[in-house]
N, C-alpha and C. Protein backbone atom coordinates (compact mmCIF):
# COMPACT_ATOMS: atom_id res chain seq x y z
N MET A 1 138.10 90.50 124.04
CA MET A 1 137.56 91.31 122.95
C MET A 1 136.05 91.16 122.84
N HIS A 2 135.56 89.91 123.06
CA HIS A 2 134.13 89.70 122.97
C HIS A 2 133.38 90.52 124.02
N GLY A 3 133.96 90.58 125.23
CA GLY A 3 133.32 91.34 126.29
C GLY A 3 133.25 92.83 125.95
N ILE A 4 134.33 93.33 125.35
CA ILE A 4 134.35 94.74 124.94
C ILE A 4 133.28 95.01 123.89
N PHE A 5 133.17 94.07 122.94
CA PHE A 5 132.18 94.23 121.87
C PHE A 5 130.77 94.24 122.45
N GLN A 6 130.49 93.36 123.37
CA GLN A 6 129.15 93.32 123.97
C GLN A 6 128.86 94.60 124.74
N ASN A 7 129.88 95.14 125.40
CA ASN A 7 129.70 96.42 126.10
C ASN A 7 129.40 97.55 125.11
N GLU A 8 130.06 97.51 123.97
CA GLU A 8 129.81 98.53 122.95
C GLU A 8 128.40 98.42 122.38
N LEU A 9 127.94 97.21 122.17
CA LEU A 9 126.56 97.01 121.70
C LEU A 9 125.56 97.52 122.74
N ALA A 10 125.85 97.26 124.01
CA ALA A 10 124.97 97.75 125.08
C ALA A 10 124.96 99.27 125.11
N ASP A 11 126.12 99.88 124.85
CA ASP A 11 126.21 101.34 124.81
C ASP A 11 125.39 101.89 123.66
N VAL A 12 125.44 101.22 122.51
CA VAL A 12 124.64 101.65 121.36
C VAL A 12 123.15 101.61 121.71
N GLN A 13 122.72 100.51 122.33
CA GLN A 13 121.32 100.40 122.71
C GLN A 13 120.92 101.49 123.69
N SER A 14 121.77 101.74 124.69
CA SER A 14 121.48 102.76 125.69
C SER A 14 121.36 104.14 125.05
N ARG A 15 122.22 104.42 124.10
CA ARG A 15 122.17 105.72 123.44
C ARG A 15 120.94 105.86 122.57
N LEU A 16 120.52 104.78 121.93
CA LEU A 16 119.28 104.82 121.15
C LEU A 16 118.09 105.12 122.05
N ILE A 17 118.05 104.49 123.19
CA ILE A 17 116.96 104.73 124.15
C ILE A 17 116.99 106.19 124.61
N GLY A 18 118.19 106.71 124.86
CA GLY A 18 118.31 108.12 125.26
C GLY A 18 117.81 109.06 124.19
N LEU A 19 118.12 108.76 122.93
CA LEU A 19 117.63 109.59 121.82
C LEU A 19 116.11 109.54 121.75
N ALA A 20 115.55 108.35 121.94
CA ALA A 20 114.10 108.21 121.90
C ALA A 20 113.44 108.99 123.04
N GLU A 21 114.05 108.94 124.21
CA GLU A 21 113.51 109.69 125.35
C GLU A 21 113.59 111.20 125.09
N ASN A 22 114.68 111.63 124.45
CA ASN A 22 114.79 113.05 124.09
C ASN A 22 113.73 113.44 123.07
N ALA A 23 113.51 112.57 122.08
CA ALA A 23 112.48 112.86 121.07
C ALA A 23 111.11 112.97 121.71
N GLN A 24 110.86 112.13 122.70
CA GLN A 24 109.59 112.20 123.43
C GLN A 24 109.46 113.53 124.16
N SER A 25 110.53 113.95 124.82
CA SER A 25 110.51 115.21 125.57
C SER A 25 110.33 116.41 124.64
N ILE A 26 111.02 116.36 123.49
CA ILE A 26 110.90 117.47 122.54
C ILE A 26 109.48 117.58 122.01
N MET A 27 108.88 116.42 121.65
CA MET A 27 107.51 116.44 121.16
C MET A 27 106.54 116.90 122.24
N ASP A 28 106.77 116.47 123.46
CA ASP A 28 105.90 116.90 124.56
C ASP A 28 105.93 118.42 124.73
N LYS A 29 107.13 118.98 124.76
CA LYS A 29 107.26 120.43 124.92
C LYS A 29 106.71 121.17 123.70
N ALA A 30 107.03 120.66 122.51
CA ALA A 30 106.63 121.34 121.28
C ALA A 30 105.12 121.32 121.12
N SER A 31 104.51 120.19 121.37
CA SER A 31 103.07 120.09 121.18
C SER A 31 102.32 120.94 122.21
N ARG A 32 102.81 120.98 123.44
CA ARG A 32 102.16 121.85 124.43
C ARG A 32 102.36 123.32 124.10
N ALA A 33 103.54 123.64 123.56
CA ALA A 33 103.77 125.02 123.12
C ALA A 33 102.81 125.39 122.00
N PHE A 34 102.63 124.47 121.07
CA PHE A 34 101.76 124.68 119.92
C PHE A 34 100.30 124.82 120.33
N LEU A 35 99.88 123.97 121.24
CA LEU A 35 98.47 123.96 121.66
C LEU A 35 98.13 125.12 122.59
N ASN A 36 99.11 125.59 123.35
CA ASN A 36 98.84 126.58 124.40
C ASN A 36 99.55 127.91 124.20
N SER A 37 100.18 128.10 123.03
CA SER A 37 100.91 129.35 122.75
C SER A 37 101.90 129.67 123.86
N ASP A 38 102.71 128.67 124.21
CA ASP A 38 103.67 128.79 125.31
C ASP A 38 105.07 128.97 124.72
N VAL A 39 105.56 130.19 124.72
CA VAL A 39 106.84 130.47 124.09
C VAL A 39 108.01 129.87 124.87
N THR A 40 107.88 129.74 126.18
CA THR A 40 108.95 129.15 126.98
C THR A 40 109.16 127.69 126.61
N LEU A 41 108.07 126.95 126.50
CA LEU A 41 108.17 125.56 126.10
C LEU A 41 108.71 125.42 124.67
N ALA A 42 108.31 126.34 123.81
CA ALA A 42 108.81 126.31 122.43
C ALA A 42 110.33 126.46 122.41
N ASP A 43 110.83 127.41 123.18
CA ASP A 43 112.28 127.62 123.22
C ASP A 43 113.00 126.41 123.81
N GLU A 44 112.40 125.79 124.83
CA GLU A 44 113.01 124.60 125.42
C GLU A 44 113.06 123.46 124.42
N ALA A 45 112.00 123.31 123.64
CA ALA A 45 111.97 122.25 122.62
C ALA A 45 113.03 122.49 121.56
N LEU A 46 113.17 123.73 121.13
CA LEU A 46 114.16 124.06 120.10
C LEU A 46 115.58 123.80 120.59
N ALA A 47 115.85 124.14 121.84
CA ALA A 47 117.19 123.92 122.39
C ALA A 47 117.48 122.43 122.53
N LEU A 48 116.50 121.67 123.00
CA LEU A 48 116.69 120.24 123.19
C LEU A 48 116.87 119.52 121.85
N ALA A 49 116.21 120.01 120.81
CA ALA A 49 116.36 119.41 119.48
C ALA A 49 117.80 119.53 119.00
N GLY A 50 118.42 120.65 119.27
CA GLY A 50 119.82 120.83 118.90
C GLY A 50 120.72 119.86 119.64
N THR A 51 120.45 119.65 120.92
CA THR A 51 121.22 118.69 121.71
C THR A 51 121.02 117.28 121.18
N ASN A 52 119.79 116.96 120.79
CA ASN A 52 119.50 115.61 120.29
C ASN A 52 120.25 115.33 118.99
N GLU A 53 120.36 116.35 118.15
CA GLU A 53 121.09 116.19 116.90
C GLU A 53 122.57 115.86 117.17
N THR A 54 123.15 116.54 118.13
CA THR A 54 124.54 116.28 118.49
C THR A 54 124.72 114.86 119.02
N LYS A 55 123.77 114.41 119.86
CA LYS A 55 123.85 113.06 120.41
C LYS A 55 123.69 112.00 119.33
N ALA A 56 122.85 112.29 118.34
CA ALA A 56 122.68 111.35 117.23
C ALA A 56 123.98 111.21 116.44
N LEU A 57 124.66 112.33 116.22
CA LEU A 57 125.95 112.28 115.52
C LEU A 57 126.99 111.51 116.32
N ASP A 58 126.98 111.71 117.63
CA ASP A 58 127.91 110.97 118.49
C ASP A 58 127.65 109.46 118.41
N LEU A 59 126.38 109.09 118.39
CA LEU A 59 126.04 107.68 118.28
C LEU A 59 126.50 107.10 116.94
N ASP A 60 126.29 107.87 115.88
CA ASP A 60 126.73 107.41 114.56
C ASP A 60 128.24 107.17 114.54
N GLU A 61 128.99 108.07 115.16
CA GLU A 61 130.44 107.91 115.20
C GLU A 61 130.83 106.66 115.98
N LEU A 62 130.11 106.39 117.07
CA LEU A 62 130.38 105.18 117.84
C LEU A 62 130.12 103.93 117.00
N VAL A 63 128.99 103.90 116.31
CA VAL A 63 128.65 102.73 115.49
C VAL A 63 129.69 102.51 114.40
N ILE A 64 130.11 103.58 113.75
CA ILE A 64 131.12 103.47 112.69
C ILE A 64 132.44 102.94 113.26
N LYS A 65 132.79 103.41 114.46
CA LYS A 65 134.02 102.93 115.09
C LYS A 65 133.92 101.43 115.39
N VAL A 66 132.78 100.99 115.90
CA VAL A 66 132.60 99.56 116.20
C VAL A 66 132.65 98.74 114.92
N LEU A 67 132.01 99.23 113.88
CA LEU A 67 132.02 98.52 112.60
C LEU A 67 133.45 98.35 112.07
N SER A 68 134.25 99.37 112.24
CA SER A 68 135.61 99.34 111.68
C SER A 68 136.59 98.55 112.53
N THR A 69 136.34 98.46 113.83
CA THR A 69 137.31 97.80 114.72
C THR A 69 136.92 96.37 115.09
N GLN A 70 135.62 96.05 115.04
CA GLN A 70 135.18 94.72 115.49
C GLN A 70 134.80 93.79 114.35
N SER A 71 134.60 94.33 113.15
CA SER A 71 134.23 93.52 111.98
C SER A 71 133.08 92.55 112.29
N PRO A 72 131.95 93.08 112.75
CA PRO A 72 130.84 92.19 113.13
C PRO A 72 130.24 91.50 111.91
N VAL A 73 129.59 90.37 112.15
CA VAL A 73 128.93 89.63 111.08
C VAL A 73 127.53 89.23 111.56
N ALA A 74 126.72 88.75 110.61
CA ALA A 74 125.39 88.20 110.89
C ALA A 74 124.54 89.18 111.70
N ARG A 75 123.95 88.70 112.80
CA ARG A 75 123.00 89.51 113.55
C ARG A 75 123.64 90.76 114.14
N ASP A 76 124.88 90.65 114.60
CA ASP A 76 125.55 91.82 115.18
C ASP A 76 125.72 92.92 114.14
N LEU A 77 126.01 92.52 112.92
CA LEU A 77 126.13 93.51 111.85
C LEU A 77 124.78 94.17 111.57
N ARG A 78 123.73 93.36 111.57
CA ARG A 78 122.38 93.92 111.37
C ARG A 78 122.03 94.91 112.47
N ILE A 79 122.41 94.60 113.70
CA ILE A 79 122.11 95.49 114.82
C ILE A 79 122.76 96.85 114.61
N LEU A 80 124.03 96.85 114.22
CA LEU A 80 124.76 98.11 114.08
C LEU A 80 124.26 98.92 112.89
N VAL A 81 124.01 98.26 111.78
CA VAL A 81 123.49 98.98 110.62
C VAL A 81 122.10 99.53 110.91
N SER A 82 121.27 98.74 111.58
CA SER A 82 119.94 99.22 111.96
C SER A 82 120.02 100.38 112.94
N ALA A 83 121.02 100.35 113.83
CA ALA A 83 121.20 101.44 114.79
C ALA A 83 121.45 102.76 114.07
N LEU A 84 122.24 102.71 113.00
CA LEU A 84 122.48 103.93 112.22
C LEU A 84 121.18 104.47 111.64
N ARG A 85 120.35 103.58 111.14
CA ARG A 85 119.08 104.00 110.55
C ARG A 85 118.13 104.53 111.61
N MET A 86 118.09 103.86 112.77
CA MET A 86 117.21 104.30 113.84
C MET A 86 117.67 105.63 114.43
N SER A 87 118.98 105.81 114.50
CA SER A 87 119.52 107.08 114.98
C SER A 87 119.05 108.22 114.09
N ALA A 88 119.07 107.99 112.78
CA ALA A 88 118.62 109.02 111.84
C ALA A 88 117.14 109.33 112.04
N SER A 89 116.33 108.28 112.27
CA SER A 89 114.90 108.50 112.51
C SER A 89 114.67 109.29 113.79
N LEU A 90 115.39 108.95 114.83
CA LEU A 90 115.20 109.63 116.12
C LEU A 90 115.65 111.08 116.05
N GLU A 91 116.74 111.32 115.32
CA GLU A 91 117.17 112.71 115.13
C GLU A 91 116.13 113.48 114.36
N ARG A 92 115.56 112.85 113.34
CA ARG A 92 114.54 113.50 112.52
C ARG A 92 113.27 113.76 113.32
N MET A 93 112.92 112.87 114.22
CA MET A 93 111.74 113.07 115.07
C MET A 93 111.91 114.32 115.93
N GLY A 94 113.13 114.51 116.46
CA GLY A 94 113.39 115.72 117.23
C GLY A 94 113.30 116.95 116.36
N SER A 95 113.79 116.85 115.13
CA SER A 95 113.74 117.98 114.19
C SER A 95 112.30 118.33 113.82
N LEU A 96 111.49 117.30 113.54
CA LEU A 96 110.08 117.55 113.20
C LEU A 96 109.36 118.22 114.36
N SER A 97 109.64 117.76 115.57
CA SER A 97 109.03 118.38 116.75
C SER A 97 109.47 119.83 116.88
N SER A 98 110.74 120.10 116.57
CA SER A 98 111.23 121.48 116.67
C SER A 98 110.53 122.39 115.67
N HIS A 99 110.13 121.84 114.51
CA HIS A 99 109.38 122.64 113.54
C HIS A 99 108.02 123.05 114.11
N ILE A 100 107.40 122.14 114.86
CA ILE A 100 106.13 122.44 115.51
C ILE A 100 106.34 123.55 116.55
N ALA A 101 107.43 123.42 117.31
CA ALA A 101 107.74 124.45 118.30
C ALA A 101 108.00 125.79 117.63
N ALA A 102 108.66 125.76 116.46
CA ALA A 102 108.97 127.01 115.76
C ALA A 102 107.69 127.72 115.31
N ILE A 103 106.69 126.95 114.88
CA ILE A 103 105.42 127.57 114.51
C ILE A 103 104.82 128.29 115.71
N ALA A 104 104.82 127.62 116.85
CA ALA A 104 104.30 128.25 118.07
C ALA A 104 105.09 129.50 118.41
N ARG A 105 106.42 129.44 118.22
CA ARG A 105 107.30 130.57 118.53
C ARG A 105 106.98 131.76 117.62
N TYR A 106 106.79 131.50 116.35
CA TYR A 106 106.55 132.59 115.40
C TYR A 106 105.18 133.25 115.62
N ARG A 107 104.20 132.46 116.04
CA ARG A 107 102.84 133.00 116.19
C ARG A 107 102.58 133.61 117.57
N TYR A 108 103.50 133.39 118.50
CA TYR A 108 103.32 133.94 119.85
C TYR A 108 103.21 135.47 119.78
N PRO A 109 102.30 136.10 120.53
CA PRO A 109 101.42 135.53 121.55
C PRO A 109 100.10 134.98 121.01
N GLY A 110 99.93 135.00 119.69
CA GLY A 110 98.72 134.45 119.12
C GLY A 110 98.79 132.93 119.03
N SER A 111 97.69 132.33 118.63
CA SER A 111 97.61 130.88 118.47
C SER A 111 97.77 130.50 117.01
N ALA A 112 98.40 129.35 116.78
CA ALA A 112 98.55 128.86 115.42
C ALA A 112 97.41 127.94 115.01
N ILE A 113 96.47 127.70 115.94
CA ILE A 113 95.41 126.73 115.69
C ILE A 113 94.04 127.40 115.77
N PRO A 114 93.22 127.32 114.74
CA PRO A 114 91.84 127.80 114.85
C PRO A 114 91.03 126.84 115.72
N THR A 115 90.00 127.33 116.32
CA THR A 115 89.18 126.53 117.22
C THR A 115 88.66 125.27 116.56
N SER A 116 88.34 125.35 115.29
CA SER A 116 87.74 124.22 114.58
C SER A 116 88.67 123.01 114.49
N LEU A 117 89.98 123.22 114.65
CA LEU A 117 90.93 122.11 114.53
C LEU A 117 91.67 121.80 115.83
N ARG A 118 91.30 122.45 116.89
CA ARG A 118 92.03 122.27 118.14
C ARG A 118 91.98 120.81 118.61
N GLN A 119 90.80 120.20 118.62
CA GLN A 119 90.69 118.82 119.09
C GLN A 119 91.50 117.87 118.22
N THR A 120 91.54 118.12 116.93
CA THR A 120 92.31 117.28 116.02
C THR A 120 93.78 117.30 116.37
N PHE A 121 94.30 118.48 116.65
CA PHE A 121 95.72 118.57 117.00
C PHE A 121 96.01 118.05 118.40
N GLU A 122 95.07 118.18 119.30
CA GLU A 122 95.24 117.56 120.60
C GLU A 122 95.36 116.05 120.45
N ASP A 123 94.55 115.47 119.57
CA ASP A 123 94.60 114.03 119.33
C ASP A 123 95.90 113.63 118.65
N LEU A 124 96.35 114.42 117.69
CA LEU A 124 97.62 114.13 117.02
C LEU A 124 98.78 114.12 118.02
N ALA A 125 98.81 115.12 118.89
CA ALA A 125 99.88 115.20 119.88
C ALA A 125 99.82 114.02 120.84
N ARG A 126 98.64 113.70 121.30
CA ARG A 126 98.48 112.59 122.26
C ARG A 126 98.94 111.27 121.65
N ILE A 127 98.54 110.99 120.41
CA ILE A 127 98.90 109.72 119.80
C ILE A 127 100.40 109.67 119.48
N ASP A 128 100.96 110.78 119.03
CA ASP A 128 102.41 110.80 118.77
C ASP A 128 103.20 110.51 120.04
N LEU A 129 102.79 111.08 121.14
CA LEU A 129 103.48 110.83 122.40
C LEU A 129 103.29 109.39 122.86
N GLU A 130 102.11 108.86 122.61
CA GLU A 130 101.86 107.45 122.92
C GLU A 130 102.78 106.56 122.08
N LEU A 131 102.92 106.88 120.80
CA LEU A 131 103.75 106.08 119.91
C LEU A 131 105.23 106.12 120.29
N VAL A 132 105.74 107.30 120.60
CA VAL A 132 107.16 107.37 120.95
C VAL A 132 107.40 106.68 122.29
N GLY A 133 106.41 106.70 123.18
CA GLY A 133 106.53 105.95 124.42
C GLY A 133 106.64 104.46 124.17
N LYS A 134 105.86 103.96 123.22
CA LYS A 134 105.94 102.55 122.84
C LYS A 134 107.30 102.24 122.20
N ALA A 135 107.82 103.20 121.43
CA ALA A 135 109.13 102.99 120.80
C ALA A 135 110.22 102.84 121.86
N ILE A 136 110.15 103.64 122.91
CA ILE A 136 111.13 103.54 123.99
C ILE A 136 111.08 102.16 124.62
N THR A 137 109.87 101.70 124.91
CA THR A 137 109.71 100.36 125.49
C THR A 137 110.24 99.29 124.54
N LEU A 138 109.99 99.47 123.25
CA LEU A 138 110.43 98.50 122.25
C LEU A 138 111.96 98.44 122.17
N LEU A 139 112.61 99.58 122.28
CA LEU A 139 114.08 99.60 122.24
C LEU A 139 114.68 98.98 123.50
N GLN A 140 113.93 99.02 124.58
CA GLN A 140 114.41 98.42 125.83
C GLN A 140 114.23 96.91 125.82
N ASN A 141 113.07 96.46 125.32
CA ASN A 141 112.75 95.04 125.30
C ASN A 141 111.95 94.72 124.05
N THR A 142 112.54 93.98 123.14
CA THR A 142 111.87 93.65 121.89
C THR A 142 110.59 92.88 122.15
N ASP A 143 109.50 93.36 121.56
CA ASP A 143 108.19 92.74 121.73
C ASP A 143 107.44 92.90 120.41
N LEU A 144 107.27 91.79 119.68
CA LEU A 144 106.64 91.88 118.37
C LEU A 144 105.18 92.30 118.46
N ASP A 145 104.52 92.01 119.58
CA ASP A 145 103.16 92.50 119.76
C ASP A 145 103.13 94.03 119.81
N LEU A 146 104.16 94.61 120.43
CA LEU A 146 104.25 96.06 120.49
C LEU A 146 104.52 96.65 119.11
N VAL A 147 105.29 95.94 118.31
CA VAL A 147 105.52 96.39 116.92
C VAL A 147 104.18 96.50 116.20
N ARG A 148 103.36 95.48 116.34
CA ARG A 148 102.06 95.49 115.67
C ARG A 148 101.15 96.59 116.22
N GLU A 149 101.24 96.85 117.52
CA GLU A 149 100.44 97.93 118.11
C GLU A 149 100.84 99.28 117.52
N ILE A 150 102.14 99.50 117.38
CA ILE A 150 102.63 100.76 116.83
C ILE A 150 102.13 100.95 115.40
N GLN A 151 102.26 99.91 114.61
CA GLN A 151 101.89 100.03 113.20
C GLN A 151 100.38 100.21 113.03
N ALA A 152 99.58 99.61 113.90
CA ALA A 152 98.14 99.79 113.84
C ALA A 152 97.75 101.19 114.32
N ARG A 153 98.43 101.66 115.35
CA ARG A 153 98.08 102.98 115.92
C ARG A 153 98.44 104.11 114.96
N ASP A 154 99.43 103.88 114.14
CA ASP A 154 99.82 104.90 113.15
C ASP A 154 98.66 105.24 112.21
N GLU A 155 97.77 104.30 111.99
CA GLU A 155 96.64 104.54 111.09
C GLU A 155 95.75 105.66 111.63
N ALA A 156 95.66 105.79 112.94
CA ALA A 156 94.86 106.87 113.53
C ALA A 156 95.48 108.23 113.22
N VAL A 157 96.81 108.30 113.24
CA VAL A 157 97.49 109.55 112.89
C VAL A 157 97.23 109.91 111.44
N ASP A 158 97.29 108.90 110.57
CA ASP A 158 97.03 109.15 109.15
C ASP A 158 95.62 109.69 108.94
N ARG A 159 94.66 109.14 109.66
CA ARG A 159 93.27 109.62 109.52
C ARG A 159 93.15 111.07 109.98
N LEU A 160 93.78 111.41 111.08
CA LEU A 160 93.72 112.79 111.58
C LEU A 160 94.41 113.75 110.61
N HIS A 161 95.52 113.31 110.04
CA HIS A 161 96.24 114.12 109.06
C HIS A 161 95.34 114.41 107.85
N ARG A 162 94.66 113.38 107.37
CA ARG A 162 93.74 113.58 106.25
C ARG A 162 92.58 114.50 106.63
N LYS A 163 92.16 114.41 107.89
CA LYS A 163 91.06 115.26 108.34
C LYS A 163 91.44 116.74 108.27
N VAL A 164 92.67 117.06 108.64
CA VAL A 164 93.13 118.45 108.56
C VAL A 164 93.01 118.96 107.13
N PHE A 165 93.46 118.15 106.19
CA PHE A 165 93.38 118.57 104.78
C PHE A 165 91.93 118.67 104.31
N ASP A 166 91.08 117.76 104.78
CA ASP A 166 89.66 117.83 104.41
C ASP A 166 89.04 119.13 104.91
N VAL A 167 89.39 119.53 106.12
CA VAL A 167 88.84 120.77 106.69
C VAL A 167 89.36 121.98 105.93
N VAL A 168 90.66 122.02 105.67
CA VAL A 168 91.26 123.17 105.01
C VAL A 168 90.77 123.32 103.57
N LEU A 169 90.53 122.21 102.90
CA LEU A 169 90.09 122.26 101.51
C LEU A 169 88.58 122.40 101.34
N ASN A 170 87.85 122.32 102.45
CA ASN A 170 86.40 122.48 102.39
C ASN A 170 86.04 123.92 102.05
N PRO A 171 85.08 124.14 101.19
CA PRO A 171 84.68 125.52 100.84
C PRO A 171 84.25 126.35 102.05
N GLU A 172 83.88 125.68 103.13
CA GLU A 172 83.45 126.40 104.33
C GLU A 172 84.63 126.93 105.16
N TRP A 173 85.84 126.53 104.81
CA TRP A 173 87.03 127.01 105.53
C TRP A 173 87.22 128.49 105.25
N LYS A 174 87.14 129.31 106.26
CA LYS A 174 87.20 130.76 106.09
C LYS A 174 88.38 131.40 106.81
N GLU A 175 89.27 130.56 107.33
CA GLU A 175 90.41 131.11 108.08
C GLU A 175 91.40 131.77 107.13
N ASN A 176 92.26 132.62 107.69
CA ASN A 176 93.21 133.34 106.85
C ASN A 176 94.36 132.45 106.39
N ALA A 177 95.19 132.98 105.51
CA ALA A 177 96.28 132.20 104.91
C ALA A 177 97.27 131.72 105.96
N MET A 178 97.50 132.52 107.01
CA MET A 178 98.45 132.13 108.06
C MET A 178 98.00 130.83 108.72
N TYR A 179 96.73 130.76 109.09
CA TYR A 179 96.21 129.54 109.69
C TYR A 179 96.33 128.37 108.73
N THR A 180 96.02 128.60 107.48
CA THR A 180 96.06 127.52 106.49
C THR A 180 97.47 126.93 106.39
N VAL A 181 98.46 127.79 106.30
CA VAL A 181 99.84 127.32 106.22
C VAL A 181 100.26 126.62 107.51
N ASP A 182 99.96 127.22 108.65
CA ASP A 182 100.39 126.67 109.93
C ASP A 182 99.82 125.27 110.17
N VAL A 183 98.51 125.12 109.99
CA VAL A 183 97.91 123.82 110.31
C VAL A 183 98.31 122.76 109.30
N THR A 184 98.51 123.16 108.05
CA THR A 184 98.93 122.19 107.04
C THR A 184 100.32 121.67 107.33
N LEU A 185 101.24 122.57 107.63
CA LEU A 185 102.60 122.16 107.96
C LEU A 185 102.65 121.36 109.26
N ALA A 186 101.98 121.84 110.28
CA ALA A 186 102.02 121.16 111.58
C ALA A 186 101.46 119.74 111.48
N SER A 187 100.37 119.61 110.75
CA SER A 187 99.78 118.28 110.57
C SER A 187 100.78 117.33 109.91
N ARG A 188 101.48 117.82 108.92
CA ARG A 188 102.49 117.00 108.25
C ARG A 188 103.62 116.62 109.20
N TYR A 189 104.03 117.53 110.06
CA TYR A 189 105.10 117.23 111.01
C TYR A 189 104.66 116.15 112.00
N PHE A 190 103.44 116.26 112.50
CA PHE A 190 102.93 115.22 113.41
C PHE A 190 102.85 113.87 112.70
N GLU A 191 102.40 113.89 111.46
CA GLU A 191 102.24 112.65 110.70
C GLU A 191 103.59 112.00 110.41
N ARG A 192 104.58 112.79 110.03
CA ARG A 192 105.91 112.24 109.74
C ARG A 192 106.59 111.73 111.01
N PHE A 193 106.36 112.38 112.14
CA PHE A 193 106.90 111.92 113.41
C PHE A 193 106.44 110.49 113.66
N ALA A 194 105.14 110.25 113.48
CA ALA A 194 104.60 108.91 113.69
C ALA A 194 105.18 107.92 112.69
N ASP A 195 105.38 108.35 111.45
CA ASP A 195 105.96 107.47 110.43
C ASP A 195 107.35 106.99 110.84
N HIS A 196 108.12 107.87 111.46
CA HIS A 196 109.47 107.47 111.89
C HIS A 196 109.41 106.46 113.03
N VAL A 197 108.41 106.57 113.90
CA VAL A 197 108.24 105.55 114.93
C VAL A 197 107.95 104.20 114.29
N VAL A 198 107.11 104.21 113.27
CA VAL A 198 106.81 102.97 112.54
C VAL A 198 108.08 102.41 111.90
N ASP A 199 108.90 103.28 111.31
CA ASP A 199 110.15 102.82 110.71
C ASP A 199 111.05 102.14 111.76
N ILE A 200 111.12 102.73 112.93
CA ILE A 200 111.93 102.14 114.01
C ILE A 200 111.37 100.78 114.39
N SER A 201 110.07 100.68 114.52
CA SER A 201 109.46 99.40 114.90
C SER A 201 109.73 98.33 113.84
N SER A 202 109.75 98.71 112.57
CA SER A 202 110.04 97.76 111.49
C SER A 202 111.46 97.24 111.59
N LYS A 203 112.39 98.13 111.94
CA LYS A 203 113.79 97.71 112.07
C LYS A 203 113.98 96.79 113.26
N VAL A 204 113.30 97.08 114.37
CA VAL A 204 113.39 96.20 115.53
C VAL A 204 112.81 94.83 115.19
N SER A 205 111.70 94.82 114.47
CA SER A 205 111.10 93.55 114.04
C SER A 205 112.06 92.78 113.15
N PHE A 206 112.75 93.47 112.26
CA PHE A 206 113.72 92.83 111.37
C PHE A 206 114.84 92.18 112.18
N LEU A 207 115.30 92.86 113.21
CA LEU A 207 116.37 92.30 114.03
C LEU A 207 115.91 91.04 114.75
N GLN A 208 114.65 91.00 115.11
CA GLN A 208 114.12 89.86 115.85
C GLN A 208 113.81 88.67 114.93
N THR A 209 113.28 88.96 113.74
CA THR A 209 112.80 87.88 112.88
C THR A 209 113.68 87.62 111.66
N GLY A 210 114.48 88.61 111.28
CA GLY A 210 115.27 88.48 110.06
C GLY A 210 114.47 88.74 108.81
N GLU A 211 113.20 89.13 108.99
CA GLU A 211 112.32 89.41 107.85
C GLU A 211 112.00 90.89 107.81
N TRP A 212 112.07 91.46 106.58
CA TRP A 212 111.82 92.90 106.41
C TRP A 212 110.42 93.12 105.88
N HIS A 213 109.66 93.97 106.59
CA HIS A 213 108.33 94.36 106.14
C HIS A 213 108.30 95.87 106.03
N ASP A 214 108.10 96.40 104.84
CA ASP A 214 108.13 97.85 104.62
C ASP A 214 106.83 98.47 105.12
C-alpha cells in the first residue's frame, strides 16, 4: 500500500508540472498574439487553456481520491491539500493568459497596444514567462532560494502594472477608449498571472519548512 501511495504522490507532482508547462505555453502564445496581432497564436492559446482546465479538474479528482482512500497525515496531507490549491492557481494562470489572447483575437487585425506602452507589455510578458519557468523548476526540485527569487521578481511586475495605470491616467494620454480598456485589462491579467506564481512558490516553501508566509 505504501508503494502505491508513493506512486500516487509522484503522479500528483507530475501532473502539477504538466499544468505549469501548459500555463507557460498558453502565456507564451497569448503574449505573442497580443504583442504581434497574431490571430493564429491567439486561437491556439484559447484552445490550450480549455485543455488545461480539464487537466486541472482531473488532477483535483485524483487528489480527492487519494485523500479518501489513503487517509494521509502530517506532511503527506499537506502535500495533497497544497496540490489542490496549486492546481487551482495553475488553472487560473491558463485562464488569465486566455483573456490576453482573447483581447488580441477581438482586436485583430488591429493592435491592442498603443506604441507608448509596447515596451511595457513586452517586459510584462518576458517576466511572466520567466516566473512560470521558475515555477516549473520549483515543482520539479524544491529550492528555497528559487522561492525568494520568484517573490522578489514579482515586484518588477507590480511596478510595470502601476506604470500602465500611471500612463493611462496621465492627462497626456490621448488614446481612444478601446485602447484604455484593453491595456488596463491586459495589465491586470499579466499582474495576476505573476501573483499566482508567487502563491505557488509560497505553498512549496510551506511544504519544505512547515511555515506559512503570505
